[in-house]
Amino acid sequence: MLASAAPDVQAAPPIAAAPDPSGVYGGQPVAPCGWPTSVSMEGSCTGTLVHPEVVVYAQHCGASYGSVRLGDTIDGTGRSVPTEFCTTYPGGGPGTGRDVAVCKLAEPVLDVEIVPPLMGCEASILTQGRDVVIVGYGQTDDGNYGIKYEATAAFGFIDGNDEAFLGGGGIDSCQGDSGGPVFVRLPSSAGGDDAWRVFGITSYGNGCGGGGYYSMMHISMAWIESETGIDVTPCHDADGTWNPGPGCGEFPLDPAGAGGSWSNGCDPGELGGYAAVCGAAFDPATDPDPPTVTITAPADLTRFDSSGGQANVDVVVDADDGTGYGVASVELLIDGASFPNGLRDLPPWEWSAGFPKGTYVLSARATDVVGNVGESVPIVIGVDEDPVPLPSADSSGSGGDGGTGDGTDGGTDAVDDDGTGGALPQDTDARSGGDDGCGCAQDRGAPRAASLLVPFVLLRRRRR
């Protein structure tokens, strides 16, 4: 078990009060996109996104949640994300120090910067009087419910159940804030990285305004990671041992007021560097090798016959970072040029595209989590014509009908008179934003990024 507090924090008996589902008292509404990792549990409780696929909240809130909601209110701007499952800590609840539950999301949240859990030596920051921030959607002293509020409170002490007491004097959580987060900044003056961590899970209190008790997130970290099968501690092992990976850094320096909007995208604001709070920072040099990437389908020199003016081609890419830290993204290219919607940040690395008549060079580029880039061997396909092999590296490439040398046209650019190409269905990939891309026949001399003339369609694939 991790040390719960610094030696100068004095334990005290809990307030004699029945556990009460704990809006934020004495606070104010957050700025647009403020504290974006604080989420609503279907309007009844509050939770914390601690990983793109993991939300932590309170055991006494139950496990019947089909979705969580990101946004500044429980039903306005923002969006809902479905859950894969939710589960509660066995035997936990208010007064046990284990008032903790977790939801695994059915799809990752990739557009919100995560504030990681407080772990290991970082817990020494929780000294008496330290400013911490309570966030929730619950009842407020000005009569609002369902609006995300924040309040700065003073840290008090940690009791014998490893529960933190904080707030009081009119600063507190209230009904509807149960399960919500408490954040603390690790200032460089105290050996931190000036970024924020989340440590508290709102549990119960002595009436709204009088202060309350909070389960400590790190105490149950081994259970959280075991239930979800996901490592949510980028700088530590689950027991608090310092073990930084490539995700141990670039944490938000101002999650309260970075700005933006949920409708147009929240601005993460300034991010920190690699963290070195409890030991040496992660060194990207420990992963010097780029990932390997191969187009496994279609085969090189495959000819496709069109139907209705185009041929639908399924492209499958295999990417592997070997002994490195993992593949971060894979990008599909046509004739050496990227196109809208060609970049994917999660497997499967598969696309379905419509090509008009012509010959095409397909390649793929993979980037690992520390920035190393690997590129595939390119392949050539033809639509309604036989593809011509690419010249070898030592060939002068004289051009000709194949279009592989001097840039003379080796195929027919199948476009309408207005240059828009044939009409294809709207892109349905959820991460693409709906922009039309395209794929078109090009001379196979130099890559031409601006020559993509026919809409390129990516089929949505459900991620888990």
Protein backbone atom coordinates (compact mmCIF):
# COMPACT_ATOMS: atom_id res chain seq x y z
CA MET A 1 0.00 0.00 0.00
CA LEU A 2 1.21 3.46 -0.82
CA ALA A 3 1.88 6.07 1.79
CA SER A 4 -1.31 8.11 1.92
CA ALA A 5 0.12 11.40 3.11
CA ALA A 6 3.25 13.26 4.14
CA PRO A 7 4.38 12.72 7.76
CA ASP A 8 3.20 16.17 8.86
CA VAL A 9 -0.44 15.44 8.01
CA GLN A 10 -2.17 14.52 11.25
CA ALA A 11 -4.86 11.86 11.25
CA ALA A 12 -8.17 12.75 12.87
CA PRO A 13 -11.37 10.86 13.56
CA PRO A 14 -14.07 11.15 10.89
CA ILE A 15 -16.98 13.49 11.32
CA ALA A 16 -19.85 11.69 12.98
CA ALA A 17 -22.37 11.75 10.15
CA ALA A 18 -24.24 9.27 8.06
CA PRO A 19 -22.74 8.81 4.58
CA ASP A 20 -24.44 11.28 2.27
CA PRO A 21 -24.19 11.18 -1.52
CA SER A 22 -22.14 14.11 -2.26
CA GLY A 23 -22.84 19.98 -6.32
CA VAL A 24 -19.98 22.07 -5.32
CA TYR A 25 -20.60 24.64 -2.58
CA GLY A 26 -18.79 27.97 -2.48
CA GLY A 27 -17.56 27.56 -6.04
CA GLN A 28 -18.31 28.89 -9.51
CA PRO A 29 -19.11 27.53 -12.97
CA VAL A 30 -16.08 26.32 -14.88
CA ALA A 31 -14.85 28.20 -17.95
CA PRO A 32 -15.87 26.61 -21.28
CA CYS A 33 -14.04 23.28 -21.55
CA GLY A 34 -12.69 23.74 -18.02
CA TRP A 35 -11.62 20.54 -16.24
CA PRO A 36 -12.63 18.50 -19.32
CA THR A 37 -11.84 15.13 -17.73
CA SER A 38 -14.67 15.63 -15.21
CA VAL A 39 -17.69 13.78 -16.60
CA SER A 40 -21.34 13.37 -15.71
CA MET A 41 -22.62 9.89 -14.84
CA GLU A 42 -26.00 10.26 -16.55
CA GLY A 43 -26.83 13.28 -14.39
CA SER A 44 -26.82 11.44 -11.05
CA CYS A 45 -23.13 11.36 -10.11
CA THR A 46 -19.80 12.72 -11.33
CA GLY A 47 -16.75 10.82 -12.55
CA THR A 48 -13.22 11.33 -13.83
CA LEU A 49 -11.71 10.33 -17.16
CA VAL A 50 -8.27 9.03 -16.11
CA HIS A 51 -7.45 7.34 -19.44
CA PRO A 52 -9.08 7.65 -22.89
CA GLU A 53 -11.02 4.47 -22.11
CA VAL A 54 -11.43 4.59 -18.31
CA VAL A 55 -13.70 6.59 -15.99
CA VAL A 56 -13.33 6.36 -12.18
CA TYR A 57 -16.20 7.30 -9.87
CA ALA A 58 -17.79 6.22 -6.54
CA GLN A 59 -18.93 2.75 -5.54
CA HIS A 60 -22.13 4.02 -3.90
CA CYS A 61 -23.26 5.45 -7.27
CA GLY A 62 -23.81 1.91 -8.59
CA ALA A 63 -22.86 0.32 -11.89
CA SER A 64 -25.89 0.91 -14.14
CA TYR A 65 -24.47 3.43 -16.60
CA GLY A 66 -24.82 3.02 -20.34
CA SER A 67 -22.84 6.18 -21.07
CA VAL A 68 -20.89 9.05 -19.57
CA ARG A 69 -21.18 12.67 -20.69
CA LEU A 70 -18.37 15.08 -21.42
CA GLY A 71 -19.29 18.76 -21.34
CA ASP A 72 -19.95 21.80 -19.18
CA THR A 73 -23.48 20.68 -18.29
CA ILE A 74 -25.24 17.36 -17.92
CA ASP A 75 -27.47 17.83 -20.97
CA GLY A 76 -26.23 20.75 -23.09
CA THR A 77 -23.01 21.22 -24.99
CA GLY A 78 -20.72 18.26 -25.10
CA ARG A 79 -21.32 14.64 -26.01
CA SER A 80 -22.10 11.25 -24.53
CA VAL A 81 -19.76 8.28 -24.84
CA PRO A 82 -21.11 4.72 -24.44
CA THR A 83 -19.69 2.39 -21.82
CA GLU A 84 -18.57 -1.17 -22.39
CA PHE A 85 -19.13 -2.05 -18.73
CA CYS A 86 -19.09 -0.53 -15.23
CA THR A 87 -18.24 -2.27 -11.98
CA THR A 88 -17.92 -1.36 -8.31
CA TYR A 89 -15.28 -2.22 -5.70
CA PRO A 90 -16.41 -5.31 -3.75
CA GLY A 91 -17.30 -4.36 -0.18
CA GLY A 92 -16.42 -0.74 -0.78
CA GLY A 93 -18.46 2.36 -0.08
CA PRO A 94 -18.47 5.48 2.10
CA GLY A 95 -16.34 5.10 5.20
CA THR A 96 -14.22 2.25 3.85
CA GLY A 97 -11.63 4.23 1.91
CA ARG A 98 -12.67 2.16 -1.09
CA ASP A 99 -15.67 4.10 -2.34
CA VAL A 100 -14.53 3.48 -5.88
CA ALA A 101 -16.02 2.20 -9.13
CA VAL A 102 -14.87 2.15 -12.73
CA CYS A 103 -16.35 2.21 -16.24
CA LYS A 104 -14.58 0.94 -19.34
CA LEU A 105 -15.68 3.02 -22.33
CA ALA A 106 -16.79 1.37 -25.56
CA GLU A 107 -14.72 3.85 -27.57
CA PRO A 108 -11.76 5.99 -26.52
CA VAL A 109 -11.91 9.74 -25.94
CA LEU A 110 -8.97 11.01 -27.99
CA ASP A 111 -9.56 14.77 -27.99
CA VAL A 112 -9.20 15.47 -24.26
CA GLU A 113 -5.84 15.77 -22.50
CA ILE A 114 -5.76 13.44 -19.50
CA VAL A 115 -4.84 14.60 -16.01
CA PRO A 116 -3.23 11.45 -14.56
CA PRO A 117 -3.85 10.01 -11.09
CA LEU A 118 -1.59 11.09 -8.23
CA MET A 119 0.77 8.21 -7.49
CA GLY A 120 3.79 7.19 -5.42
CA CYS A 121 5.96 9.97 -4.04
CA GLU A 122 3.60 12.55 -5.55
CA ALA A 123 1.22 11.93 -2.63
CA SER A 124 3.63 13.86 -0.37
CA ILE A 125 2.16 17.05 -1.88
CA LEU A 126 -1.01 16.50 0.15
CA THR A 127 -0.02 18.57 3.15
CA GLN A 128 -2.40 20.31 5.50
CA GLY A 129 -3.65 23.58 4.00
CA ARG A 130 -2.62 22.70 0.44
CA ASP A 131 -5.00 24.17 -2.17
CA VAL A 132 -6.97 21.50 -4.03
CA VAL A 133 -9.84 21.85 -6.50
CA ILE A 134 -13.20 20.05 -6.22
CA VAL A 135 -15.18 19.64 -9.47
CA GLY A 136 -18.70 18.34 -9.97
CA TYR A 137 -22.14 18.74 -11.55
CA GLY A 138 -24.15 18.57 -8.33
CA GLN A 139 -26.08 20.93 -6.11
CA THR A 140 -24.56 24.37 -5.49
CA ASP A 141 -25.13 27.02 -2.86
CA ASP A 142 -26.67 29.27 -5.52
CA GLY A 143 -29.27 26.67 -6.47
CA ASN A 144 -27.77 25.30 -9.68
CA TYR A 145 -27.70 21.61 -10.48
CA GLY A 146 -26.28 19.96 -13.58
CA ILE A 147 -23.71 22.69 -14.31
CA LYS A 148 -20.03 21.86 -13.86
CA TYR A 149 -18.69 23.87 -10.93
CA GLU A 150 -15.25 24.17 -9.37
CA ALA A 151 -14.19 25.25 -5.91
CA THR A 152 -10.75 25.64 -4.34
CA ALA A 153 -10.58 24.08 -0.89
CA ALA A 154 -7.91 23.49 1.72
CA PHE A 155 -6.62 19.95 2.20
CA GLY A 156 -7.17 18.78 5.75
CA PHE A 157 -5.96 15.34 6.80
CA ILE A 158 -6.11 11.62 6.05
CA ASP A 159 -7.91 9.37 8.51
CA GLY A 160 -7.28 5.78 9.47
CA ASN A 161 -9.35 4.49 6.56
CA ASP A 162 -7.09 6.25 4.06
CA GLU A 163 -9.84 8.78 3.38
CA ALA A 164 -8.93 12.42 2.82
CA PHE A 165 -10.91 15.16 4.58
CA LEU A 166 -10.93 18.58 2.96
CA GLY A 167 -13.02 21.70 2.62
CA GLY A 168 -15.39 23.24 5.12
CA GLY A 169 -16.36 26.80 5.92
CA GLY A 170 -18.78 26.83 3.01
CA ILE A 171 -16.41 25.16 0.51
CA ASP A 172 -17.54 21.65 -0.19
CA SER A 173 -19.06 19.07 -2.51
CA CYS A 174 -22.77 18.27 -2.34
CA GLN A 175 -25.49 15.98 -3.71
CA GLY A 176 -24.69 15.03 -7.30
CA ASP A 177 -20.92 15.39 -6.93
CA SER A 178 -20.47 11.83 -5.66
CA GLY A 179 -17.63 10.11 -7.46
CA GLY A 180 -16.26 13.38 -8.78
CA PRO A 181 -12.61 14.42 -8.76
CA VAL A 182 -10.34 16.47 -6.56
CA PHE A 183 -7.27 17.88 -8.32
CA VAL A 184 -3.96 19.15 -7.02
CA ARG A 185 -1.10 20.91 -8.81
CA LEU A 186 2.47 19.70 -8.36
CA PRO A 187 4.40 22.99 -8.32
CA SER A 188 8.03 23.03 -9.34
CA SER A 189 8.77 24.83 -6.06
CA ALA A 190 7.81 21.60 -4.30
CA GLY A 191 9.67 19.32 -6.70
CA GLY A 192 6.79 18.89 -9.14
CA ASP A 193 6.35 19.50 -12.84
CA ASP A 194 3.81 22.36 -12.51
CA ALA A 195 1.15 20.09 -14.01
CA TRP A 196 -1.94 18.68 -12.29
CA ARG A 197 -2.92 15.31 -10.85
CA VAL A 198 -6.24 13.89 -9.70
CA PHE A 199 -6.37 12.12 -6.35
CA GLY A 200 -9.83 12.29 -4.74
CA ILE A 201 -13.14 10.49 -5.30
CA THR A 202 -16.02 12.37 -3.66
CA SER A 203 -17.62 10.08 -1.08
CA TYR A 204 -19.59 11.63 1.82
CA GLY A 205 -19.72 14.56 4.23
CA ASN A 206 -21.36 16.38 7.11
CA GLY A 207 -23.91 18.33 5.10
CA CYS A 208 -23.08 20.60 2.19
CA GLY A 209 -20.55 23.26 3.14
CA GLY A 210 -19.07 21.57 6.17
CA GLY A 211 -16.31 19.64 4.45
CA GLY A 212 -16.26 16.06 3.27
CA TYR A 213 -14.44 12.78 2.92
CA TYR A 214 -12.86 11.48 -0.26
CA SER A 215 -11.49 8.10 -1.21
CA MET A 216 -7.90 8.25 -2.44
CA MET A 217 -7.71 7.06 -6.03
CA HIS A 218 -4.22 5.59 -5.80
CA ILE A 219 -5.21 3.25 -2.96
CA SER A 220 -7.38 1.23 -5.34
CA MET A 221 -5.21 1.56 -8.44
CA ALA A 222 -4.28 -2.12 -8.66
CA TRP A 223 -7.99 -3.01 -8.67
CA ILE A 224 -8.81 -0.33 -11.27
CA GLU A 225 -6.14 -1.60 -13.65
CA SER A 226 -7.04 -5.24 -13.05
CA GLU A 227 -10.74 -4.69 -13.78
CA THR A 228 -10.17 -2.68 -16.95
CA GLY A 229 -7.03 -4.41 -18.19
CA ILE A 230 -5.57 -0.97 -18.89
CA ASP A 231 -2.51 0.78 -17.47
CA VAL A 232 -3.84 4.18 -16.34
CA THR A 233 -0.66 5.27 -14.53
CA PRO A 234 1.82 6.50 -17.17
CA CYS A 235 4.60 7.31 -14.68
CA HIS A 236 4.24 4.56 -12.08
CA ASP A 237 3.42 0.94 -11.51
CA ALA A 238 0.12 0.27 -9.76
CA ASP A 239 1.94 0.03 -6.41
CA GLY A 240 3.43 3.51 -6.80
CA THR A 241 6.88 2.50 -8.02
CA TRP A 242 8.33 5.10 -10.40
CA ASN A 243 8.40 3.53 -13.86
CA PRO A 244 7.93 6.26 -16.50
CA GLY A 245 6.84 5.35 -20.01
CA PRO A 246 6.41 7.52 -23.09
CA GLY A 247 3.09 8.77 -21.72
CA CYS A 248 4.73 10.21 -18.60
CA GLY A 249 4.60 13.83 -19.65
CA GLU A 250 2.78 16.49 -21.64
CA PHE A 251 0.24 16.86 -18.85
CA PRO A 252 -2.03 19.95 -18.80
CA LEU A 253 -0.63 22.99 -17.00
CA ASP A 254 -4.00 24.78 -16.92
CA PRO A 255 -6.90 22.32 -17.24
CA ALA A 256 -9.23 24.84 -15.60
CA GLY A 257 -9.03 27.56 -18.23
CA ALA A 258 -7.34 26.41 -21.43
CA GLY A 259 -10.38 27.45 -23.49
CA GLY A 260 -12.07 26.38 -26.69
CA SER A 261 -15.55 24.91 -26.85
CA TRP A 262 -17.13 21.48 -26.92
CA SER A 263 -18.79 22.26 -30.25
CA ASN A 264 -15.56 23.33 -31.97
CA GLY A 265 -12.96 21.51 -29.92
CA CYS A 266 -11.50 22.15 -26.49
CA ASP A 267 -8.06 23.73 -26.34
CA PRO A 268 -5.75 21.70 -24.09
CA GLY A 269 -3.56 24.75 -23.50
CA GLU A 270 0.09 24.52 -22.61
CA LEU A 271 1.43 21.09 -21.73
CA GLY A 272 4.40 20.16 -19.63
CA GLY A 273 7.42 18.12 -20.70
CA TYR A 274 8.43 14.64 -19.61
CA ALA A 275 7.79 14.38 -15.87
CA ALA A 276 10.63 13.70 -13.42
CA VAL A 277 8.82 14.09 -10.11
CA CYS A 278 9.78 10.78 -8.48
CA GLY A 279 12.86 9.87 -10.52
CA ALA A 280 14.54 10.26 -13.88
CA ALA A 281 12.27 11.28 -16.76
CA PHE A 282 11.44 8.92 -19.59
CA ASP A 283 14.18 8.89 -22.24
CA PRO A 284 12.94 8.51 -25.84
CA ALA A 285 16.42 7.24 -26.75
CA THR A 286 15.47 3.92 -25.14
CA ASP A 287 13.35 3.26 -28.25
CA PRO A 288 15.53 4.20 -31.24
CA ASP A 289 14.00 1.89 -33.83
CA PRO A 290 11.10 2.83 -36.11
CA PRO A 291 8.10 0.53 -36.44
CA THR A 292 7.80 -1.85 -39.35
CA VAL A 293 4.83 -1.34 -41.66
CA THR A 294 3.61 -3.47 -44.57
CA ILE A 295 0.66 -3.31 -46.92
CA THR A 296 -0.75 -6.84 -46.71
CA ALA A 297 -3.67 -6.27 -49.11
CA PRO A 298 -4.04 -5.78 -51.98
CA ALA A 299 -1.06 -7.55 -53.44
CA ASP A 300 1.44 -5.61 -55.53
CA LEU A 301 0.52 -5.32 -59.24
CA THR A 302 -3.12 -6.26 -58.70
CA ARG A 303 -5.53 -5.16 -61.42
CA PHE A 304 -9.11 -4.21 -60.52
CA ASP A 305 -12.01 -3.84 -62.93
CA SER A 306 -14.32 -0.94 -62.31
CA SER A 307 -18.06 -0.97 -61.90
CA GLY A 308 -19.96 2.24 -62.39
CA GLY A 309 -16.77 4.13 -63.16
CA GLN A 310 -14.71 3.06 -60.15
CA ALA A 311 -13.33 0.03 -58.32
CA ASN A 312 -13.67 -0.44 -54.57
CA VAL A 313 -10.39 -1.53 -53.03
CA ASP A 314 -9.85 -2.76 -49.46
CA VAL A 315 -6.44 -1.75 -48.11
CA VAL A 316 -5.03 -3.58 -45.09
CA VAL A 317 -1.83 -2.53 -43.34
CA ASP A 318 0.19 -4.36 -40.68
CA ALA A 319 2.29 -2.23 -38.28
CA ASP A 320 4.48 -3.45 -35.43
CA ASP A 321 6.86 -1.60 -33.10
CA GLY A 322 8.69 -4.73 -32.04
CA THR A 323 10.36 -4.18 -28.65
CA GLY A 324 9.44 -0.49 -28.68
CA TYR A 325 6.59 1.27 -26.89
CA GLY A 326 3.93 0.81 -29.53
CA VAL A 327 2.51 2.22 -32.75
CA ALA A 328 0.82 5.61 -32.32
CA SER A 329 -0.60 6.07 -35.81
CA VAL A 330 -0.64 4.72 -39.35
CA GLU A 331 -1.19 6.85 -42.44
CA LEU A 332 -2.17 5.64 -45.88
CA LEU A 333 -0.76 7.50 -48.89
CA ILE A 334 -1.57 7.55 -52.60
CA ASP A 335 1.28 8.31 -54.97
CA GLY A 336 3.33 9.50 -52.00
CA ALA A 337 0.77 12.09 -50.94
CA SER A 338 -1.42 12.05 -47.85
CA PHE A 339 -5.12 12.65 -48.26
CA PRO A 340 -7.94 13.62 -45.86
CA ASN A 341 -9.00 10.84 -43.52
CA GLY A 342 -5.97 8.70 -44.32
CA LEU A 343 -4.53 8.91 -40.79
CA ARG A 344 -5.61 6.42 -38.12
CA ASP A 345 -4.56 6.38 -34.50
CA LEU A 346 -5.98 2.99 -33.52
CA PRO A 347 -6.08 -0.42 -35.22
CA PRO A 348 -7.37 -2.06 -37.26
CA TRP A 349 -5.33 -0.33 -39.93
CA GLU A 350 -7.87 -0.92 -42.66
CA TRP A 351 -9.47 1.31 -45.28
CA SER A 352 -11.98 0.84 -48.11
CA ALA A 353 -11.58 3.22 -51.02
CA GLY A 354 -13.10 3.95 -54.41
CA PHE A 355 -10.63 4.37 -57.33
CA PRO A 356 -11.48 5.48 -60.86
CA LYS A 357 -9.57 4.23 -63.91
CA GLY A 358 -5.81 4.62 -63.64
CA THR A 359 -2.70 3.28 -61.94
CA TYR A 360 -1.82 4.11 -58.34
CA VAL A 361 1.13 3.79 -55.98
CA LEU A 362 0.02 2.92 -52.43
CA SER A 363 2.25 3.19 -49.38
CA ALA A 364 1.86 3.49 -45.62
CA ARG A 365 3.67 5.38 -42.91
CA ALA A 366 3.71 4.30 -39.23
CA THR A 367 4.78 6.48 -36.30
CA ASP A 368 5.53 5.05 -32.86
CA VAL A 369 4.76 6.76 -29.56
CA VAL A 370 8.18 8.39 -29.30
CA GLY A 371 8.08 9.75 -32.84
CA ASN A 372 10.11 7.22 -34.85
CA VAL A 373 8.71 6.83 -38.37
CA GLY A 374 8.72 3.75 -40.57
CA GLU A 375 7.52 3.50 -44.18
CA SER A 376 6.30 0.53 -46.15
CA VAL A 377 7.54 -0.75 -49.47
CA PRO A 378 5.16 0.83 -52.00
CA ILE A 379 2.86 -1.26 -54.16
CA VAL A 380 1.19 -0.51 -57.49
CA ILE A 381 -2.41 -1.27 -58.44
CA GLY A 382 -4.33 -0.64 -61.63
CA VAL A 383 -8.00 0.03 -62.33
CA ASP A 384 -9.15 -1.01 -65.80
CA GLU A 385 -5.53 -1.21 -66.89
CA ASP A 386 -2.50 -3.33 -66.06
CA PRO A 387 -0.25 -1.79 -63.38
CA VAL A 388 3.39 -1.28 -64.26
CA PRO A 389 6.10 -2.26 -61.74
CA LEU A 390 7.96 0.55 -60.09
CA PRO A 391 11.55 1.02 -61.33
CA SER A 392 14.24 -0.42 -59.13
CA ALA A 393 16.31 1.94 -57.01
CA ASP A 394 19.22 1.85 -59.49
CA SER A 395 17.06 2.34 -62.58
CA SER A 396 17.18 5.58 -64.51
CA GLY A 397 13.45 5.33 -65.20
CA SER A 398 12.95 6.62 -68.68
CA GLY A 399 9.22 7.06 -68.34
CA GLY A 400 7.04 5.87 -71.18
CA ASP A 401 3.54 4.51 -71.22
CA GLY A 402 3.84 3.23 -67.64
CA GLY A 403 4.26 6.78 -66.37
CA THR A 404 7.07 5.79 -64.00
CA GLY A 405 9.95 7.91 -65.22
CA ASP A 406 9.72 11.45 -66.49
CA GLY A 407 6.24 12.11 -65.14
CA THR A 408 4.35 11.70 -68.40
CA ASP A 409 0.86 10.37 -67.89
CA GLY A 410 0.84 6.61 -67.41
CA GLY A 411 -2.91 6.36 -66.93
CA THR A 412 -6.09 8.26 -67.46
CA ASP A 413 -7.19 10.83 -64.88
CA ALA A 414 -10.83 9.88 -64.47
CA VAL A 415 -12.47 13.16 -63.57
CA ASP A 416 -15.55 15.06 -64.59
CA ASP A 417 -15.29 18.17 -66.71
CA ASP A 418 -15.47 20.30 -63.58
CA GLY A 419 -12.53 18.44 -62.03
CA THR A 420 -14.53 17.06 -59.13
CA GLY A 421 -14.47 13.41 -60.05
CA GLY A 422 -17.27 10.91 -59.64
CA ALA A 423 -19.65 11.30 -56.72
CA LEU A 424 -19.11 8.87 -53.85
CA PRO A 425 -20.98 8.42 -50.53
CA GLN A 426 -20.21 10.73 -47.63
CA ASP A 427 -17.39 9.57 -45.36
CA THR A 428 -18.78 7.81 -42.31
CA ASP A 429 -15.63 7.43 -40.18
CA ALA A 430 -16.40 8.91 -36.75
CA ARG A 431 -12.95 10.38 -36.26
CA SER A 432 -12.70 11.99 -39.68
CA GLY A 433 -15.04 14.91 -39.19
CA GLY A 434 -16.83 14.00 -42.43
CA ASP A 435 -14.43 15.67 -44.87
CA ASP A 436 -14.25 14.23 -48.36
CA GLY A 437 -10.89 12.92 -49.44
CA CYS A 438 -10.09 11.41 -52.80
CA GLY A 439 -8.01 9.01 -54.81
CA CYS A 440 -7.12 9.61 -58.42
CA ALA A 441 -4.84 8.45 -61.17
CA GLN A 442 -1.57 10.33 -61.23
CA ASP A 443 1.66 10.33 -63.13
CA ARG A 444 4.07 8.27 -61.08
CA GLY A 445 6.96 10.68 -61.22
CA ALA A 446 7.20 12.98 -58.22
CA PRO A 447 4.48 12.76 -55.52
CA ARG A 448 1.71 15.30 -56.02
CA ALA A 449 -0.15 16.03 -52.79
CA ALA A 450 -2.60 18.46 -54.40
CA SER A 451 -3.77 16.16 -57.21
CA LEU A 452 -6.30 14.04 -55.33
CA LEU A 453 -9.42 14.58 -57.39
CA VAL A 454 -11.94 11.85 -56.61
CA PRO A 455 -13.57 11.48 -53.16
CA PHE A 456 -11.87 8.82 -51.06
CA VAL A 457 -14.17 6.88 -48.75
CA LEU A 458 -13.19 5.40 -45.39
CA LEU A 459 -15.64 2.96 -43.87
CA ARG A 460 -16.35 3.42 -40.17
CA ARG A 461 -15.11 0.54 -38.07
CA ARG A 462 -16.17 0.18 -34.49
CA ARG A 463 -13.33 0.40 -32.01
CA ARG A 464 -13.13 -1.09 -28.56
